Protein backbone atom coordinates (compact mmCIF):
# COMPACT_ATOMS: atom_id res chain seq x y z
CA MET A 1 38.42 -49.62 40.06
CA VAL A 2 37.39 -46.08 39.23
CA ALA A 3 38.96 -46.33 35.80
CA GLU A 4 37.13 -49.59 35.15
CA GLN A 5 33.76 -48.01 36.15
CA VAL A 6 34.41 -45.06 33.84
CA ARG A 7 35.28 -47.44 31.00
CA ARG A 8 32.09 -49.44 31.57
CA GLY A 9 30.05 -46.25 31.68
CA ARG A 10 31.44 -45.18 28.32
CA VAL A 11 30.62 -48.55 26.81
CA ARG A 12 27.03 -48.31 28.07
CA LYS A 13 26.69 -44.80 26.59
CA ARG A 14 27.99 -46.05 23.23
CA ARG A 15 25.50 -48.90 23.31
CA LEU A 16 22.63 -46.58 24.24
CA ALA A 17 23.45 -43.90 21.68
CA PRO A 18 21.91 -45.67 18.67
CA PHE A 19 18.82 -46.48 20.73
CA LEU A 20 18.39 -42.88 21.88
CA GLY A 21 18.93 -41.61 18.36
CA LEU A 22 16.32 -44.00 17.03
CA THR A 23 13.89 -42.95 19.78
CA ALA A 24 14.33 -39.29 18.89
CA LEU A 25 13.90 -40.06 15.19
CA LEU A 26 10.72 -42.03 15.80
CA ALA A 27 9.34 -39.27 18.03
CA GLY A 28 10.08 -36.69 15.36
CA CYS A 29 8.44 -38.85 12.72
CA ALA A 30 5.39 -39.28 14.96
CA GLY A 31 5.05 -35.51 15.28
CA ALA A 32 5.42 -35.03 11.55
CA ALA A 33 2.91 -37.80 10.90
CA SER A 34 0.41 -36.13 13.21
CA VAL A 35 0.70 -32.86 11.29
CA GLY A 36 0.84 -34.66 7.96
CA ALA A 37 -2.27 -36.71 8.66
CA HIS A 38 -4.36 -33.86 7.26
CA LEU A 39 -2.46 -34.16 3.99
CA LEU A 40 -3.32 -37.86 3.67
CA ARG A 41 -7.07 -37.30 3.73
CA PRO A 42 -8.98 -37.45 0.41
CA ASN A 43 -9.05 -34.04 -1.26
CA ALA A 44 -12.64 -32.81 -1.05
CA TYR A 45 -11.72 -29.80 -3.22
CA ALA A 46 -10.11 -31.59 -6.15
CA SER A 47 -12.74 -30.22 -8.55
CA VAL A 48 -12.17 -26.58 -7.50
CA ARG A 49 -10.59 -24.34 -10.13
CA SER A 50 -7.64 -22.61 -8.47
CA ILE A 51 -7.61 -18.83 -8.19
CA GLU A 52 -4.01 -19.07 -9.47
CA LYS A 53 -5.55 -19.36 -12.94
CA ARG A 54 -7.26 -15.99 -12.60
CA SER A 55 -5.58 -12.99 -14.19
CA ASP A 56 -5.99 -10.88 -11.04
CA PHE A 57 -4.29 -13.38 -8.69
CA HIS A 58 -0.79 -11.89 -9.15
CA ASP A 59 -1.57 -9.10 -11.61
CA PRO A 60 1.40 -6.68 -11.41
CA ALA A 61 -0.67 -3.50 -11.82
CA LEU A 62 -3.25 -4.54 -9.24
CA LEU A 63 -0.54 -5.68 -6.83
CA ALA A 64 1.14 -2.29 -7.17
CA GLN A 65 -2.15 -0.64 -6.21
CA ALA A 66 -2.58 -3.05 -3.32
CA TRP A 67 0.90 -2.48 -1.90
CA ALA A 68 0.20 1.27 -1.96
CA LEU A 69 -2.74 0.86 0.43
CA PRO A 70 -1.95 2.32 3.89
CA VAL A 71 -1.78 -0.92 5.89
CA ALA A 72 -0.01 -2.84 3.12
CA ALA A 73 2.58 -0.06 2.98
CA ALA A 74 3.19 -0.50 6.71
CA TYR A 75 3.86 -4.21 6.15
CA ARG A 76 6.20 -3.40 3.28
CA ARG A 77 8.50 -1.20 5.38
CA ARG A 78 10.25 -4.31 6.69
CA PRO A 79 11.19 -7.57 4.96
CA TYR A 80 8.21 -9.91 4.78
CA GLU A 81 8.85 -13.18 6.61
CA TYR A 82 7.59 -16.46 5.18
CA GLN A 83 6.79 -19.47 7.36
CA SER A 84 9.76 -21.71 8.17
CA ASN A 85 7.69 -24.90 7.90
CA PRO A 86 4.04 -25.80 7.16
CA SER A 87 3.01 -25.59 10.84
CA PHE A 88 4.36 -22.05 11.35
CA CYS A 89 1.82 -19.98 9.40
CA GLY A 90 0.45 -18.61 12.68
CA PRO A 91 3.79 -17.47 14.17
CA ALA A 92 4.90 -16.05 10.80
CA THR A 93 1.63 -14.11 10.55
CA VAL A 94 2.10 -12.63 14.04
CA ALA A 95 5.74 -11.78 13.29
CA ASN A 96 4.76 -9.84 10.16
CA LEU A 97 1.97 -8.06 12.01
CA LEU A 98 4.43 -6.98 14.72
CA ARG A 99 6.86 -5.77 12.08
CA SER A 100 4.12 -3.67 10.51
CA LEU A 101 3.87 -1.93 13.90
CA GLY A 102 7.61 -1.31 14.05
CA VAL A 103 8.68 -4.26 16.23
CA ASP A 104 11.23 -6.60 14.63
CA PHE A 105 10.15 -10.07 15.73
CA SER A 106 10.91 -13.33 13.96
CA GLN A 107 8.47 -16.24 14.00
CA ALA A 108 10.77 -17.99 16.47
CA ASP A 109 10.70 -14.89 18.73
CA VAL A 110 6.89 -14.93 18.68
CA LEU A 111 6.80 -18.36 20.39
CA ARG A 112 9.61 -17.72 22.87
CA GLY A 113 8.47 -17.98 26.49
CA THR A 114 4.94 -19.14 25.61
CA THR A 115 3.17 -22.45 26.05
CA PHE A 116 3.12 -22.90 22.26
CA GLN A 117 6.38 -24.79 21.83
CA PRO A 118 7.37 -26.78 18.72
CA TRP A 119 8.12 -30.49 19.05
CA PHE A 120 11.16 -31.33 16.94
CA GLY A 121 10.58 -28.05 15.12
CA VAL A 122 6.89 -28.70 14.43
CA LEU A 123 3.80 -27.16 16.02
CA VAL A 124 1.76 -30.35 16.11
CA ASN A 125 -1.74 -29.58 14.75
CA GLY A 126 -0.71 -25.93 14.30
CA LEU A 127 -2.74 -23.31 16.17
CA THR A 128 -6.47 -22.67 16.43
CA LEU A 129 -8.03 -19.23 16.01
CA GLU A 130 -8.35 -18.81 19.79
CA GLU A 131 -4.76 -19.93 20.35
CA LEU A 132 -3.44 -17.42 17.84
CA ALA A 133 -5.53 -14.73 19.55
CA ASP A 134 -3.96 -15.72 22.90
CA LEU A 135 -0.50 -15.56 21.35
CA LEU A 136 -1.21 -12.08 20.01
CA ARG A 137 -2.46 -10.88 23.39
CA ARG A 138 0.84 -12.00 24.94
CA ARG A 139 2.81 -10.01 22.39
CA LEU A 140 0.59 -6.93 22.02
CA ASP A 141 -0.97 -4.50 24.43
CA ARG A 142 -4.02 -4.37 22.18
CA GLN A 143 -7.59 -5.58 21.94
CA VAL A 144 -7.81 -8.78 19.87
CA HIS A 145 -11.28 -9.77 18.68
CA VAL A 146 -12.18 -13.26 17.43
CA VAL A 147 -14.85 -12.93 14.72
CA ARG A 148 -16.78 -15.84 13.19
CA ASP A 149 -19.94 -16.62 11.22
CA LEU A 150 -20.05 -13.36 9.27
CA SER A 151 -22.49 -12.92 6.41
CA LEU A 152 -20.89 -12.05 3.07
CA ALA A 153 -21.98 -8.42 3.49
CA ALA A 154 -20.46 -8.24 6.99
CA PHE A 155 -17.31 -9.94 5.74
CA ARG A 156 -16.93 -7.30 3.02
CA GLU A 157 -17.32 -4.56 5.63
CA ALA A 158 -14.56 -6.20 7.67
CA MET A 159 -12.34 -6.29 4.57
CA LYS A 160 -12.94 -2.56 4.04
CA SER A 161 -11.72 -1.94 7.59
CA SER A 162 -8.41 -3.62 6.73
CA ASN A 163 -7.33 -0.35 5.07
CA ASN A 164 -7.60 1.48 8.40
CA PRO A 165 -4.07 2.01 9.83
CA GLU A 166 -5.52 1.71 13.34
CA LYS A 167 -6.51 -1.91 12.68
CA ARG A 168 -4.86 -5.15 11.65
CA LEU A 169 -6.73 -8.22 10.39
CA ILE A 170 -5.69 -11.86 10.30
CA VAL A 171 -7.64 -14.41 8.31
CA ASN A 172 -7.95 -18.13 9.05
CA PHE A 173 -9.04 -19.97 5.92
CA HIS A 174 -8.93 -23.36 4.23
CA ARG A 175 -6.88 -23.41 1.04
CA GLY A 176 -9.21 -25.90 -0.64
CA PRO A 177 -11.97 -23.47 -1.73
CA LEU A 178 -9.28 -21.19 -3.18
CA PHE A 179 -6.72 -23.54 -4.71
CA GLY A 180 -8.38 -26.94 -4.88
CA ARG A 181 -5.79 -28.35 -2.46
CA GLY A 182 -4.21 -27.73 0.93
CA ALA A 183 -5.45 -27.34 4.49
CA GLY A 184 -6.10 -24.67 7.11
CA HIS A 185 -3.92 -21.57 7.04
CA PHE A 186 -3.31 -18.16 8.66
CA SER A 187 -2.18 -14.98 6.93
CA PRO A 188 -2.53 -11.23 7.47
CA ILE A 189 -5.00 -9.20 5.44
CA LEU A 190 -2.96 -6.39 3.92
CA GLY A 191 -5.81 -4.40 2.40
CA TYR A 192 -8.87 -4.29 0.19
CA LEU A 193 -9.29 -2.91 -3.33
CA ALA A 194 -12.92 -1.90 -3.01
CA ASP A 195 -13.47 -0.91 -6.66
CA ALA A 196 -12.41 -4.38 -7.81
CA ASP A 197 -13.74 -6.20 -4.71
CA LEU A 198 -10.33 -7.82 -4.23
CA VAL A 199 -8.83 -8.72 -0.86
CA PHE A 200 -5.05 -8.46 -0.55
CA VAL A 201 -4.00 -11.55 1.41
CA GLY A 202 -0.42 -11.44 2.69
CA ASP A 203 0.16 -15.16 2.32
CA VAL A 204 3.05 -16.20 4.57
CA ASN A 205 3.75 -19.25 2.41
CA GLY A 206 6.62 -18.35 0.09
CA ASP A 207 5.26 -20.59 -2.67
CA TYR A 208 2.06 -18.52 -2.91
CA ARG A 209 3.24 -15.09 -1.74
CA PRO A 210 0.77 -12.19 -1.22
CA PHE A 211 -2.13 -12.50 -3.65
CA LEU A 212 -5.47 -10.97 -4.61
CA VAL A 213 -8.80 -12.80 -4.31
CA SER A 214 -12.45 -11.78 -4.48
CA SER A 215 -14.12 -11.23 -1.11
CA GLU A 216 -16.75 -13.90 -1.85
CA ARG A 217 -14.15 -16.56 -2.68
CA LEU A 218 -12.20 -15.79 0.48
CA TRP A 219 -15.40 -15.72 2.53
CA ARG A 220 -16.20 -19.25 1.35
CA ALA A 221 -12.71 -20.39 2.38
CA VAL A 222 -13.23 -18.86 5.83
CA ALA A 223 -16.69 -20.44 6.21
CA THR A 224 -15.14 -23.88 6.78
CA ILE A 225 -14.63 -25.95 9.93
CA ASP A 226 -11.30 -26.23 11.69
CA GLY A 227 -10.86 -29.95 12.35
CA THR A 228 -8.79 -29.34 15.49
CA SER A 229 -11.19 -27.01 17.32
CA GLY A 230 -14.39 -28.20 15.66
CA LYS A 231 -15.34 -24.53 15.21
CA PRO A 232 -15.72 -22.40 12.09
CA ARG A 233 -12.68 -20.50 10.94
CA GLY A 234 -12.81 -16.73 11.02
CA LEU A 235 -10.93 -13.48 11.52
CA LEU A 236 -8.85 -11.81 14.20
CA ILE A 237 -9.35 -8.05 14.30
CA ILE A 238 -6.75 -6.11 16.26
CA ASP A 239 -7.25 -2.50 17.36
CA THR A 240 -3.78 -0.98 17.13
CA ALA A 241 -4.61 2.43 18.62
CA LEU A 242 -5.63 1.35 22.13
CA SER A 243 -2.22 1.65 23.75
CA ASP A 244 1.08 3.34 23.15
CA ARG A 245 3.23 0.48 21.96
CA PRO A 246 3.48 -3.27 21.49
CA GLY A 247 4.83 -5.23 24.43
CA GLU A 248 6.36 -8.60 25.14
CA ALA A 249 5.22 -11.24 27.57
CA ASP A 250 7.27 -11.57 30.73
């Protein structure tokens, strides 16, 4: 009798396996479709001339100057980590920021033990500016300031502060005004070449890599609305000198 029940149980499991696999596949596809829905919208920036066509975008001499800036040099001490999938720009940005402060975190480590958990490997809808600030506060014993609605002059002043080793800046921008394509994105600000008015954006997307862009062009990309939160995009400014060392959440 027991053997017969075990046999029947195995048969039921074999019959259920394809169904469960299909359910998981459909759930994964649903998550990907939710994230990918942004990519299916008409491109409102199709007429924008990409900054990739500018000579200063990846100019070797200018990039050498940019990497020599004090904060950029701190980021360069450890291998730069690029996002593992399109929804992980936020975690990859935080991981690189932590590494610049001497703490070796991966983007997977950044999310561990938090409420921001991927679904089938995807952070559905990504993270908002406030959510990334919350994530940073869990990982750093630092002040994290959410900054929005800056004038161009105030934005340039913020970019100048990105060269201060006692600060770290993260920018939330829409790729459209820069590249004529894409969606919302996070990356660290690695520095600012004031003489050339070029911001050094540490793009965590390996296809773009860290690049240079004028402050006005970046400002326009930041002055866009995040469709998830309904709020303008902006900056996170982190004061790194307020406590002795970075810390982890419990």
